[in-house]
């Protein structure tokens, strides 16, 4: 649809990447605080108000569904924009750049799913949750890296970002393929017409954002009614937003895609994700016991995130490097790479989202999902922080040897 166009100067690229890191990292730190608040409210005298408010219906949908189906469509729109930009004009624009994060992302999805299925195999009703531990929460992970500061080389931050973007792409495909049911052909047809209009806008080099957003809103409605999860409309819209700037403007920052991405980043980081976290992380802990943590569902999710992610990401990366398919991130030691692999087990946002799709309207299973996600993510964040805080950095002579 769009041809790759790289007219950003190196200084501009560094500025864009720094802004991205800053936004994601600070948003992740806020998300940590919101999670604590949600747990506190869900276990306070305000719990009844909290849960009843989420179940209140407005214009045919509950407040929780408005958050998960409509507000999160904005999050997926931003994810789609980031995927398109990185694939055409960023860190994933060439195959050599895609190989290591791509292989790592694949391992980080396959191994957690296998661990989850191994633990829950004797309970067929739980198998639909296999994709819950396959996701990485980039905001949370970068939030931990922000706390560590300069102890983590920039190349590892870029590697984690690229891996998480490809991980999000995998999650989008999983949602579209495995969590779609009861399709409505008329609504799918109307959604297809909206998508065709968006593609026509792109083909005819329409650079004004308002027509895209207006048709995108209509697309969201038809996708909502079609049986496909409504948030995928955000991804479809993102893929049609032009990456090229207007004819009279030469800077890539002036393209519609960059303009929309920069406009959405603070809203998603500081509003959309915190609201989602507050609405979905609330969990009554009164009946929680150590034995409950060993039940197949929370255990499968927690072990998938904590064990599966680190094993899949680090082992697949190491195999790719040793086979000569990819290079080690410059300036990073293997211990630091292992620490980043641990952080990939933070699966908060997307894991909770997939859990809601896997077990819709099943409160007991949803609560068990939350426990598994919170436990696995907390263990991964703590272990990753500890490893990265004590991991030795690559020695200068080792760096020179690796470049020979």
Protein backbone atom coordinates (compact mmCIF):
# COMPACT_ATOMS: atom_id res chain seq x y z
CA UNK A 1 0.00 0.00 0.00
CA UNK A 2 2.79 2.39 1.02
CA UNK A 3 6.34 2.06 -0.15
CA UNK A 4 9.06 2.31 2.47
CA UNK A 5 10.36 5.83 2.73
CA UNK A 6 13.25 6.73 4.99
CA UNK A 7 13.97 10.47 4.96
CA UNK A 8 14.54 10.93 8.68
CA UNK A 9 17.98 12.12 9.70
CA UNK A 10 19.71 10.06 12.44
CA UNK A 11 19.17 12.85 14.98
CA UNK A 12 15.46 12.87 14.20
CA UNK A 13 15.30 9.07 14.58
CA UNK A 14 16.97 9.27 17.99
CA UNK A 15 14.54 12.00 19.07
CA UNK A 16 11.51 9.97 17.97
CA UNK A 17 12.82 6.85 19.71
CA UNK A 18 13.55 8.78 22.91
CA UNK A 19 10.04 10.24 22.93
CA UNK A 20 8.63 6.75 22.39
CA UNK A 21 10.65 5.29 25.26
CA UNK A 22 9.76 8.14 27.57
CA UNK A 23 6.05 7.85 26.85
CA UNK A 24 5.89 4.07 27.18
CA UNK A 25 8.09 3.94 30.27
CA UNK A 26 6.23 6.61 32.20
CA UNK A 27 2.94 5.07 31.14
CA UNK A 28 4.11 1.73 32.49
CA UNK A 29 4.99 3.24 35.85
CA UNK A 30 1.54 4.84 36.02
CA UNK A 31 0.01 1.47 35.13
CA UNK A 32 1.78 -0.13 38.10
CA UNK A 33 0.21 2.44 40.41
CA UNK A 34 -3.24 2.03 38.86
CA UNK A 35 -3.04 -1.75 39.36
CA UNK A 36 -2.35 -1.28 43.07
CA UNK A 37 -5.25 1.17 43.34
CA UNK A 38 -7.62 -1.23 41.55
CA UNK A 39 -6.71 -4.06 43.93
CA UNK A 40 -7.14 -1.75 46.91
CA UNK A 41 -10.58 -0.55 45.76
CA UNK A 42 -11.74 -4.10 44.95
CA UNK A 43 -10.93 -5.13 48.52
CA UNK A 44 -12.35 -2.06 50.28
CA UNK A 45 -15.86 -0.89 51.25
CA UNK A 46 -16.01 0.66 47.76
CA UNK A 47 -15.88 -2.79 46.11
CA UNK A 48 -19.63 -3.05 45.53
CA UNK A 49 -19.70 0.37 43.85
CA UNK A 50 -16.64 -0.52 41.75
CA UNK A 51 -18.03 -3.82 40.40
CA UNK A 52 -21.60 -2.56 39.92
CA UNK A 53 -20.34 0.48 37.99
CA UNK A 54 -18.45 -1.77 35.59
CA UNK A 55 -21.63 -3.80 34.98
CA UNK A 56 -23.81 -0.74 34.35
CA UNK A 57 -25.20 -0.65 30.81
CA UNK A 58 -24.86 2.46 28.66
CA UNK A 59 -26.20 2.53 25.08
CA UNK A 60 -26.46 -1.26 24.92
CA UNK A 61 -23.04 -2.11 26.34
CA UNK A 62 -21.76 -2.39 29.89
CA UNK A 63 -19.13 0.10 31.04
CA UNK A 64 -16.60 -2.74 31.07
CA UNK A 65 -17.45 -3.62 27.46
CA UNK A 66 -17.14 0.03 26.41
CA UNK A 67 -13.67 0.04 27.92
CA UNK A 68 -12.58 -3.32 26.47
CA UNK A 69 -14.26 -3.00 23.07
CA UNK A 70 -14.23 0.74 22.31
CA UNK A 71 -11.52 2.39 24.37
CA UNK A 72 -9.08 -0.44 23.67
CA UNK A 73 -9.71 0.02 19.94
CA UNK A 74 -7.74 3.26 20.34
CA UNK A 75 -4.91 1.26 21.93
CA UNK A 76 -4.95 -1.20 19.02
CA UNK A 77 -4.99 1.73 16.58
CA UNK A 78 -1.74 2.97 18.14
CA UNK A 79 -0.29 -0.56 18.11
CA UNK A 80 -1.14 -0.86 14.42
CA UNK A 81 0.47 2.49 13.65
CA UNK A 82 3.64 1.46 15.49
CA UNK A 83 3.77 -1.88 13.67
CA UNK A 84 3.37 -0.22 10.27
CA UNK A 85 5.95 2.49 10.98
CA UNK A 86 8.54 0.05 12.33
CA UNK A 87 8.00 -2.37 9.44
CA UNK A 88 8.27 0.25 6.70
CA UNK A 89 10.52 2.94 8.13
CA UNK A 90 11.93 1.87 11.47
CA UNK A 91 13.81 -0.77 13.44
CA UNK A 92 12.01 -3.60 11.61
CA UNK A 93 12.32 -2.18 8.10
CA UNK A 94 14.87 -4.76 6.92
CA UNK A 95 15.09 -8.52 7.34
CA UNK A 96 18.41 -8.46 9.25
CA UNK A 97 16.76 -6.20 11.83
CA UNK A 98 13.71 -8.43 12.08
CA UNK A 99 15.46 -11.76 12.53
CA UNK A 100 16.54 -11.65 16.19
CA UNK A 101 13.42 -9.99 17.67
CA UNK A 102 11.26 -12.09 15.34
CA UNK A 103 12.78 -15.39 16.45
CA UNK A 104 12.71 -14.27 20.09
CA UNK A 105 9.06 -13.25 19.80
CA UNK A 106 8.21 -16.62 18.25
CA UNK A 107 9.88 -18.48 21.12
CA UNK A 108 8.17 -16.17 23.58
CA UNK A 109 4.78 -17.19 22.21
CA UNK A 110 5.26 -20.91 21.54
CA UNK A 111 6.89 -22.00 24.82
CA UNK A 112 4.44 -20.21 27.19
CA UNK A 113 1.49 -21.67 25.27
CA UNK A 114 2.96 -25.18 25.54
CA UNK A 115 3.59 -24.80 29.27
CA UNK A 116 0.04 -23.54 29.81
CA UNK A 117 -1.46 -26.43 27.84
CA UNK A 118 0.69 -28.97 29.68
CA UNK A 119 -0.58 -27.73 33.05
CA UNK A 120 -4.26 -27.39 32.05
CA UNK A 121 -4.51 -30.34 29.65
CA UNK A 122 -6.76 -32.43 31.90
CA UNK A 123 -9.36 -29.64 31.99
CA UNK A 124 -10.62 -29.07 28.42
CA UNK A 125 -12.68 -26.04 29.47
CA UNK A 126 -9.44 -24.19 30.22
CA UNK A 127 -7.65 -24.88 26.93
CA UNK A 128 -9.16 -21.79 25.30
CA UNK A 129 -6.87 -19.68 27.48
CA UNK A 130 -3.65 -20.98 25.87
CA UNK A 131 -2.85 -17.56 24.38
CA UNK A 132 -3.07 -15.63 27.68
CA UNK A 133 0.62 -16.07 28.67
CA UNK A 134 1.94 -15.41 25.14
CA UNK A 135 1.75 -11.60 25.37
CA UNK A 136 4.31 -9.03 26.56
CA UNK A 137 3.26 -5.68 28.04
CA UNK A 138 5.69 -3.19 26.53
CA UNK A 139 4.61 -0.32 28.81
CA UNK A 140 5.24 -2.30 31.98
CA UNK A 141 8.53 -3.73 30.70
CA UNK A 142 9.88 -0.35 29.61
CA UNK A 143 8.72 1.07 32.93
CA UNK A 144 11.05 -1.37 34.71
CA UNK A 145 13.87 -0.46 32.31
CA UNK A 146 13.26 3.23 33.07
CA UNK A 147 13.83 2.55 36.77
CA UNK A 148 17.14 0.84 35.90
CA UNK A 149 18.23 3.84 33.82
CA UNK A 150 21.61 3.67 32.06
CA UNK A 151 22.44 0.20 33.42
CA UNK A 152 20.64 -1.22 30.38
CA UNK A 153 22.16 -0.41 26.95
CA UNK A 154 19.93 1.33 24.43
CA UNK A 155 20.35 -1.57 22.00
CA UNK A 156 18.54 -3.86 24.46
CA UNK A 157 15.72 -1.33 24.85
CA UNK A 158 15.37 -1.25 21.07
CA UNK A 159 15.47 -5.07 20.97
CA UNK A 160 12.73 -5.28 23.63
CA UNK A 161 10.61 -2.72 21.79
CA UNK A 162 10.96 -4.53 18.46
CA UNK A 163 10.22 -7.89 20.12
CA UNK A 164 7.12 -6.50 21.86
CA UNK A 165 5.86 -4.96 18.61
CA UNK A 166 6.17 -8.31 16.82
CA UNK A 167 4.61 -9.95 19.87
CA UNK A 168 1.65 -7.55 19.54
CA UNK A 169 1.38 -8.48 15.87
CA UNK A 170 1.21 -12.13 16.87
CA UNK A 171 -1.44 -11.36 19.48
CA UNK A 172 -3.52 -9.52 16.87
CA UNK A 173 -3.37 -12.55 14.55
CA UNK A 174 -4.29 -14.88 17.43
CA UNK A 175 -7.30 -12.74 18.37
CA UNK A 176 -8.48 -12.58 14.77
CA UNK A 177 -8.06 -16.32 14.11
CA UNK A 178 -8.85 -18.03 17.43
CA UNK A 179 -11.22 -15.67 19.26
CA UNK A 180 -13.77 -15.01 16.55
CA UNK A 181 -17.17 -16.72 16.50
CA UNK A 182 -20.78 -16.36 15.31
CA UNK A 183 -19.89 -14.29 12.28
CA UNK A 184 -22.51 -12.03 10.72
CA UNK A 185 -21.97 -11.96 6.96
CA UNK A 186 -24.02 -8.76 6.37
CA UNK A 187 -22.02 -6.88 9.00
CA UNK A 188 -18.77 -8.31 7.64
CA UNK A 189 -19.79 -7.06 4.20
CA UNK A 190 -20.40 -3.54 5.51
CA UNK A 191 -17.07 -3.65 7.35
CA UNK A 192 -15.39 -4.71 4.11
CA UNK A 193 -16.91 -1.73 2.31
CA UNK A 194 -15.56 0.61 4.99
CA UNK A 195 -12.13 -0.98 4.68
CA UNK A 196 -12.29 -0.61 0.89
CA UNK A 197 -13.06 3.10 1.32
CA UNK A 198 -10.05 3.49 3.63
CA UNK A 199 -7.79 1.72 1.14
CA UNK A 200 -9.12 4.02 -1.62
CA UNK A 201 -8.27 7.06 0.53
CA UNK A 202 -4.72 5.77 0.77
CA UNK A 203 -4.44 4.92 -2.92
CA UNK A 204 -5.58 8.41 -3.92
CA UNK A 205 -3.04 9.95 -1.54
CA UNK A 206 -5.60 11.53 0.77
CA UNK A 207 -3.54 12.88 3.68
CA UNK A 208 -6.25 14.55 5.80
CA UNK A 209 -6.87 12.45 8.90
CA UNK A 210 -10.53 13.34 9.50
CA UNK A 211 -11.96 11.15 6.65
CA UNK A 212 -9.92 8.17 7.87
CA UNK A 213 -11.08 8.60 11.46
CA UNK A 214 -14.72 9.10 10.46
CA UNK A 215 -14.83 5.96 8.33
CA UNK A 216 -12.79 4.16 11.00
CA UNK A 217 -15.49 4.87 13.58
CA UNK A 218 -18.12 3.39 11.26
CA UNK A 219 -15.82 0.42 10.62
CA UNK A 220 -15.56 -0.15 14.39
CA UNK A 221 -19.37 -0.38 14.68
CA UNK A 222 -19.72 -2.95 11.90
CA UNK A 223 -16.80 -5.02 13.20
CA UNK A 224 -18.39 -4.95 16.67
CA UNK A 225 -21.58 -6.39 15.21
CA UNK A 226 -19.82 -8.86 12.90
CA UNK A 227 -18.50 -11.31 15.50
CA UNK A 228 -14.88 -10.25 15.07
CA UNK A 229 -13.54 -8.44 18.11
CA UNK A 230 -14.12 -4.72 17.64
CA UNK A 231 -10.59 -3.70 18.59
CA UNK A 232 -9.28 -5.21 15.36
CA UNK A 233 -10.97 -2.32 13.56
CA UNK A 234 -8.30 -0.10 15.10
CA UNK A 235 -5.56 -2.23 13.54
CA UNK A 236 -7.26 -2.24 10.13
CA UNK A 237 -7.61 1.55 10.25
CA UNK A 238 -3.96 1.96 11.24
CA UNK A 239 -2.71 -0.03 8.25
CA UNK A 240 -4.44 2.37 5.85
CA UNK A 241 -3.07 5.61 7.36
CA UNK A 242 -0.44 7.03 4.93
CA UNK A 243 3.17 6.95 6.04
CA UNK A 244 4.24 9.47 3.40
CA UNK A 245 4.12 13.20 4.05
CA UNK A 246 2.06 15.67 2.06
CA UNK A 247 3.62 16.70 -1.27
CA UNK A 248 4.69 20.16 -0.03
CA UNK A 249 6.28 18.72 3.11
CA UNK A 250 9.49 16.72 3.09
CA UNK A 251 9.85 15.58 6.68
CA UNK A 252 8.54 12.14 7.60
CA UNK A 253 7.32 13.59 10.92
CA UNK A 254 4.71 15.50 8.90
CA UNK A 255 3.11 12.32 7.52
CA UNK A 256 -0.44 11.48 8.67
CA UNK A 257 0.80 8.31 10.37
CA UNK A 258 3.40 10.14 12.47
CA UNK A 259 0.96 12.93 13.33
CA UNK A 260 -1.72 10.51 14.50
CA UNK A 261 0.77 8.32 16.37
CA UNK A 262 2.23 11.28 18.26
CA UNK A 263 -1.24 12.59 19.05
CA UNK A 264 -2.42 9.22 20.40
CA UNK A 265 0.67 8.24 22.43
CA UNK A 266 0.00 10.41 25.51
CA UNK A 267 -3.72 9.59 25.51
CA UNK A 268 -3.07 5.86 25.33
CA UNK A 269 -0.21 5.93 27.86
CA UNK A 270 -1.91 8.19 30.39
CA UNK A 271 -5.62 7.51 29.88
CA UNK A 272 -6.59 4.44 27.83
CA UNK A 273 -4.23 1.89 29.41
CA UNK A 274 -4.65 3.15 33.01
CA UNK A 275 -8.46 3.06 32.63
CA UNK A 276 -8.24 -0.45 31.21
CA UNK A 277 -5.93 -1.51 34.03
CA UNK A 278 -8.19 -0.02 36.70
CA UNK A 279 -11.27 -1.71 35.23
CA UNK A 280 -9.69 -5.14 34.72
CA UNK A 281 -7.15 -5.56 37.54
CA UNK A 282 -9.66 -5.33 40.38
CA UNK A 283 -9.71 -8.68 42.16
CA UNK A 284 -11.28 -9.66 45.50
CA UNK A 285 -8.54 -11.29 47.56
CA UNK A 286 -10.64 -12.40 50.54
CA UNK A 287 -10.90 -16.02 49.37
CA UNK A 288 -7.37 -16.22 47.97
CA UNK A 289 -5.17 -18.93 49.45
CA UNK A 290 -1.84 -20.53 48.58
CA UNK A 291 -3.65 -23.67 47.46
CA UNK A 292 -5.74 -21.63 45.03
CA UNK A 293 -2.56 -20.41 43.35
CA UNK A 294 -1.80 -24.03 42.48
CA UNK A 295 -5.05 -24.51 40.57
CA UNK A 296 -4.39 -25.28 36.88
CA UNK A 297 -5.61 -21.96 35.43
CA UNK A 298 -3.67 -19.44 37.55
CA UNK A 299 -0.68 -21.78 37.74
CA UNK A 300 -0.64 -22.36 33.97
CA UNK A 301 -0.77 -18.62 33.25
CA UNK A 302 1.80 -17.68 35.90
CA UNK A 303 4.26 -20.38 34.83
CA UNK A 304 3.65 -19.63 31.16
CA UNK A 305 4.58 -15.99 31.74
CA UNK A 306 7.40 -16.46 34.23
CA UNK A 307 9.02 -19.69 32.99
CA UNK A 308 7.77 -19.91 29.41
CA UNK A 309 8.57 -16.37 28.35
CA UNK A 310 12.12 -16.26 29.68
CA UNK A 311 12.86 -19.74 28.34
CA UNK A 312 11.34 -19.11 24.92
CA UNK A 313 12.80 -15.64 24.35
CA UNK A 314 16.30 -16.37 25.67
CA UNK A 315 16.69 -19.89 24.22
CA UNK A 316 15.40 -18.97 20.76
CA UNK A 317 17.59 -15.83 20.73
CA UNK A 318 20.65 -17.80 21.81
CA UNK A 319 20.06 -20.44 19.12
CA UNK A 320 19.69 -17.74 16.45
CA UNK A 321 22.93 -16.05 17.55
CA UNK A 322 24.92 -19.28 17.79
CA UNK A 323 23.73 -20.39 14.34
CA UNK A 324 24.85 -17.08 12.89
CA UNK A 325 21.33 -16.04 11.91
CA UNK A 326 21.52 -12.85 14.00
CA UNK A 327 23.97 -10.78 16.03
CA UNK A 328 23.97 -10.13 19.77
CA UNK A 329 22.65 -6.61 20.58
CA UNK A 330 25.71 -4.35 20.63
CA UNK A 331 27.07 -3.48 24.06
CA UNK A 332 24.92 -6.07 25.84
CA UNK A 333 26.11 -9.06 27.85
CA UNK A 334 24.31 -12.41 27.87
CA UNK A 335 23.26 -11.81 31.47
CA UNK A 336 21.59 -8.56 30.40
CA UNK A 337 19.88 -10.36 27.50
CA UNK A 338 18.57 -12.91 30.00
CA UNK A 339 17.27 -10.08 32.21
CA UNK A 340 15.34 -8.63 29.27
CA UNK A 341 13.96 -12.10 28.49
CA UNK A 342 12.64 -12.18 32.06
CA UNK A 343 10.93 -8.82 31.57
CA UNK A 344 9.13 -10.26 28.55
CA UNK A 345 7.08 -12.28 31.06
CA UNK A 346 5.27 -9.10 32.08
CA UNK A 347 2.07 -9.72 30.17
CA UNK A 348 -0.37 -7.48 31.99
CA UNK A 349 -2.45 -5.51 29.46
CA UNK A 350 -2.67 -7.90 26.52
CA UNK A 351 -2.85 -10.99 28.76
CA UNK A 352 -5.83 -9.62 30.68
CA UNK A 353 -7.40 -8.62 27.38
CA UNK A 354 -7.00 -12.09 25.86
CA UNK A 355 -8.26 -13.62 29.12
CA UNK A 356 -11.49 -11.64 28.78
CA UNK A 357 -11.88 -13.06 25.25
CA UNK A 358 -11.05 -16.62 26.32
CA UNK A 359 -13.50 -16.74 29.24
CA UNK A 360 -16.27 -14.21 28.53
CA UNK A 361 -18.82 -13.71 31.31
CA UNK A 362 -17.20 -16.42 33.47
CA UNK A 363 -16.37 -14.49 36.62
CA UNK A 364 -14.61 -17.32 38.46
CA UNK A 365 -12.32 -18.06 35.51
CA UNK A 366 -11.69 -14.37 34.92
CA UNK A 367 -10.64 -13.91 38.55
CA UNK A 368 -8.33 -16.92 38.26
CA UNK A 369 -6.92 -15.40 35.08
CA UNK A 370 -6.22 -12.12 36.86
CA UNK A 371 -4.40 -13.96 39.65
CA UNK A 372 -2.22 -15.84 37.17
CA UNK A 373 -1.43 -12.72 35.14
CA UNK A 374 -0.63 -10.61 38.20
CA UNK A 375 1.52 -13.35 39.76
CA UNK A 376 3.43 -14.20 36.58
CA UNK A 377 3.94 -10.55 35.67
CA UNK A 378 5.08 -9.61 39.20
CA UNK A 379 7.58 -12.49 39.34
CA UNK A 380 8.91 -11.58 35.89
CA UNK A 381 9.23 -7.88 36.75
CA UNK A 382 11.00 -8.57 40.07
CA UNK A 383 13.35 -11.21 38.66
CA UNK A 384 14.13 -9.13 35.57
CA UNK A 385 14.89 -6.08 37.69
CA UNK A 386 17.17 -8.04 40.01
CA UNK A 387 19.09 -9.69 37.17
CA UNK A 388 19.55 -6.44 35.24
CA UNK A 389 20.59 -4.54 38.37
CA UNK A 390 23.46 -6.95 39.06
CA UNK A 391 24.26 -8.17 35.54
CA UNK A 392 27.77 -7.26 34.38
CA UNK A 393 27.96 -5.09 31.31
CA UNK A 394 29.84 -6.21 28.21
CA UNK A 395 33.56 -5.54 28.56
CA UNK A 396 35.18 -3.35 25.89
CA UNK A 397 37.55 -6.11 24.73
CA UNK A 398 34.59 -8.51 24.35
CA UNK A 399 32.80 -5.95 22.22
CA UNK A 400 35.83 -5.54 20.02
CA UNK A 401 36.17 -9.30 19.64
CA UNK A 402 32.52 -9.72 18.72
CA UNK A 403 32.87 -7.16 15.95
CA UNK A 404 35.84 -8.87 14.31
